[in-house]
Amino acid sequence: METKNSDTLFNWRREVVTNGVGVFNPSTAVSAKGAIITNADGEELIDFVGGIGVLNSGHCPEPVVKAIQEQAAKLIHTCFNVATYSVYMELADELISLVCISPQCVLPWHILNVILTKIIYKFNQSCVA
């Protein structure tokens, strides 16, 4: 029986990824567009789950890809504690506007603040697994 590329990926995963990162669906992905994922064996699958962040827009929507490319050409990331940059505040302003949507907003603007962070609970889970 021929070894599939997906089998190779899963074997590699078992070697290098902790058991704290579960497998909800035994599939692989090498590319995706819209609702279609192409796995490591070249098979196309319909993504009924929708990865975090792609559920509403599908995989690789052109406007999102273009915005990422434009931003990456300017600045990918720097620690905001080290260097302040406008994109951070622009996103903070947008998030605040979503919270305070009416002119009679009961939350004064001066007490609304935003922090952008990444939750790393998966790392913590893996450390105790």
Protein backbone atom coordinates (compact mmCIF):
# COMPACT_ATOMS: atom_id res chain seq x y z
CA MET A 1 0.00 0.00 0.00
CA GLU A 2 1.34 3.40 -1.04
CA THR A 3 2.06 5.91 1.74
CA LYS A 4 0.01 9.05 1.25
CA ASN A 5 1.38 12.53 1.80
CA SER A 6 -1.24 12.99 4.54
CA ASP A 7 0.11 9.94 6.37
CA THR A 8 3.61 11.41 6.19
CA LEU A 9 2.37 14.69 7.68
CA PHE A 10 0.56 12.93 10.52
CA ASN A 11 3.64 10.84 11.31
CA TRP A 12 5.73 14.00 11.38
CA ARG A 13 3.13 15.68 13.60
CA ARG A 14 3.33 12.79 16.09
CA GLU A 15 7.10 13.26 16.25
CA VAL A 16 7.22 17.01 16.85
CA VAL A 17 3.85 18.23 18.21
CA THR A 18 2.73 17.64 21.78
CA ASN A 19 -0.42 15.64 22.48
CA GLY A 20 -1.87 18.78 24.09
CA VAL A 21 -2.79 19.93 20.58
CA GLY A 22 -5.67 17.63 19.73
CA VAL A 23 -6.83 16.37 16.35
CA PHE A 24 -10.50 17.14 15.82
CA ASN A 25 -10.53 15.93 12.24
CA PRO A 26 -7.87 13.70 10.67
CA SER A 27 -7.28 15.79 7.56
CA THR A 28 -4.47 17.89 6.12
CA ALA A 29 -4.34 21.15 4.21
CA VAL A 30 -1.83 22.55 1.74
CA SER A 31 -4.01 25.23 0.17
CA ALA A 32 -7.54 26.58 0.29
CA LYS A 33 -9.81 28.97 -1.59
CA GLY A 34 -13.32 29.92 -0.56
CA ALA A 35 -14.86 26.86 1.10
CA ILE A 36 -12.56 24.32 -0.59
CA ILE A 37 -9.43 22.90 1.05
CA THR A 38 -6.91 20.87 -0.93
CA ASN A 39 -5.24 18.24 1.23
CA ALA A 40 -1.70 16.86 1.04
CA ASP A 41 -2.89 14.11 -1.29
CA GLY A 42 -4.39 16.57 -3.79
CA GLU A 43 -7.99 15.82 -2.80
CA GLU A 44 -10.46 18.70 -2.53
CA LEU A 45 -12.63 18.86 0.57
CA ILE A 46 -15.44 21.20 1.56
CA ASP A 47 -14.53 23.08 4.74
CA PHE A 48 -17.64 22.69 6.87
CA VAL A 49 -15.84 23.91 9.98
CA GLY A 50 -14.22 27.09 8.76
CA GLY A 51 -10.91 27.79 10.43
CA ILE A 52 -10.83 30.53 13.02
CA GLY A 53 -11.03 33.79 11.13
CA VAL A 54 -12.16 32.36 7.79
CA LEU A 55 -15.67 31.17 8.58
CA ASN A 56 -17.41 34.29 7.25
CA SER A 57 -15.11 35.18 4.38
CA GLY A 58 -13.83 31.83 3.15
CA HIS A 59 -10.19 30.97 2.63
CA CYS A 60 -7.97 33.53 0.88
CA PRO A 61 -10.57 36.14 -0.20
CA GLU A 62 -8.93 38.56 -2.64
CA PRO A 63 -9.51 41.78 -0.59
CA VAL A 64 -8.01 40.19 2.53
CA VAL A 65 -5.03 38.74 0.65
CA LYS A 66 -4.41 42.14 -0.98
CA ALA A 67 -4.59 43.97 2.38
CA ILE A 68 -2.16 41.49 3.95
CA GLN A 69 0.27 41.87 1.04
CA GLU A 70 0.11 45.68 1.21
CA GLN A 71 0.67 45.72 4.96
CA ALA A 72 3.47 43.14 4.81
CA ALA A 73 5.28 45.31 2.26
CA LYS A 74 5.28 48.16 4.82
CA LEU A 75 5.59 46.55 8.24
CA ILE A 76 4.88 43.01 9.39
CA HIS A 77 5.16 43.41 13.12
CA THR A 78 7.17 45.06 15.80
CA CYS A 79 6.60 44.82 19.50
CA PHE A 80 4.20 47.68 20.23
CA ASN A 81 5.90 48.21 23.59
CA VAL A 82 9.12 48.96 21.70
CA ALA A 83 7.85 50.96 18.71
CA THR A 84 4.47 52.64 18.40
CA TYR A 85 2.82 52.43 14.97
CA SER A 86 -0.45 53.83 13.63
CA VAL A 87 -2.10 50.59 12.46
CA TYR A 88 -2.42 49.51 16.11
CA MET A 89 -4.29 52.70 17.06
CA GLU A 90 -6.40 52.57 13.90
CA LEU A 91 -7.61 49.10 14.87
CA ALA A 92 -8.13 50.22 18.48
CA ASP A 93 -10.27 53.15 17.26
CA GLU A 94 -12.31 50.81 15.08
CA LEU A 95 -12.91 48.39 17.96
CA ILE A 96 -13.94 51.24 20.27
CA SER A 97 -16.38 52.52 17.64
CA LEU A 98 -18.00 49.09 17.51
CA VAL A 99 -18.53 49.14 21.28
CA CYS A 100 -19.85 52.69 21.37
CA ILE A 101 -22.19 52.87 18.39
CA SER A 102 -24.73 55.49 19.44
CA PRO A 103 -24.34 59.24 20.01
CA GLN A 104 -25.71 58.65 23.51
CA CYS A 105 -22.92 56.23 24.33
CA VAL A 106 -22.86 55.75 28.09
CA LEU A 107 -19.16 54.94 28.12
CA PRO A 108 -16.99 58.07 27.98
CA TRP A 109 -14.37 57.83 25.24
CA HIS A 110 -11.58 58.65 27.66
CA ILE A 111 -12.12 55.43 29.63
CA LEU A 112 -12.31 53.11 26.64
CA ASN A 113 -8.95 51.49 25.96
CA VAL A 114 -7.87 48.53 23.88
CA ILE A 115 -5.11 45.98 24.17
CA LEU A 116 -4.33 43.65 21.31
CA THR A 117 -2.82 40.39 22.42
CA LYS A 118 -2.58 36.74 21.55
CA ILE A 119 -3.94 34.21 23.99
CA ILE A 120 -1.40 31.45 24.54
CA TYR A 121 -3.44 29.01 26.59
CA LYS A 122 -2.65 26.25 24.10
CA PHE A 123 1.03 26.63 24.99
CA ASN A 124 0.14 26.36 28.66
CA GLN A 125 -1.99 23.28 27.98
CA SER A 126 0.90 21.66 26.17
CA CYS A 127 3.28 22.34 29.05
CA VAL A 128 1.12 20.38 31.48
CA ALA A 129 0.03 17.66 29.03
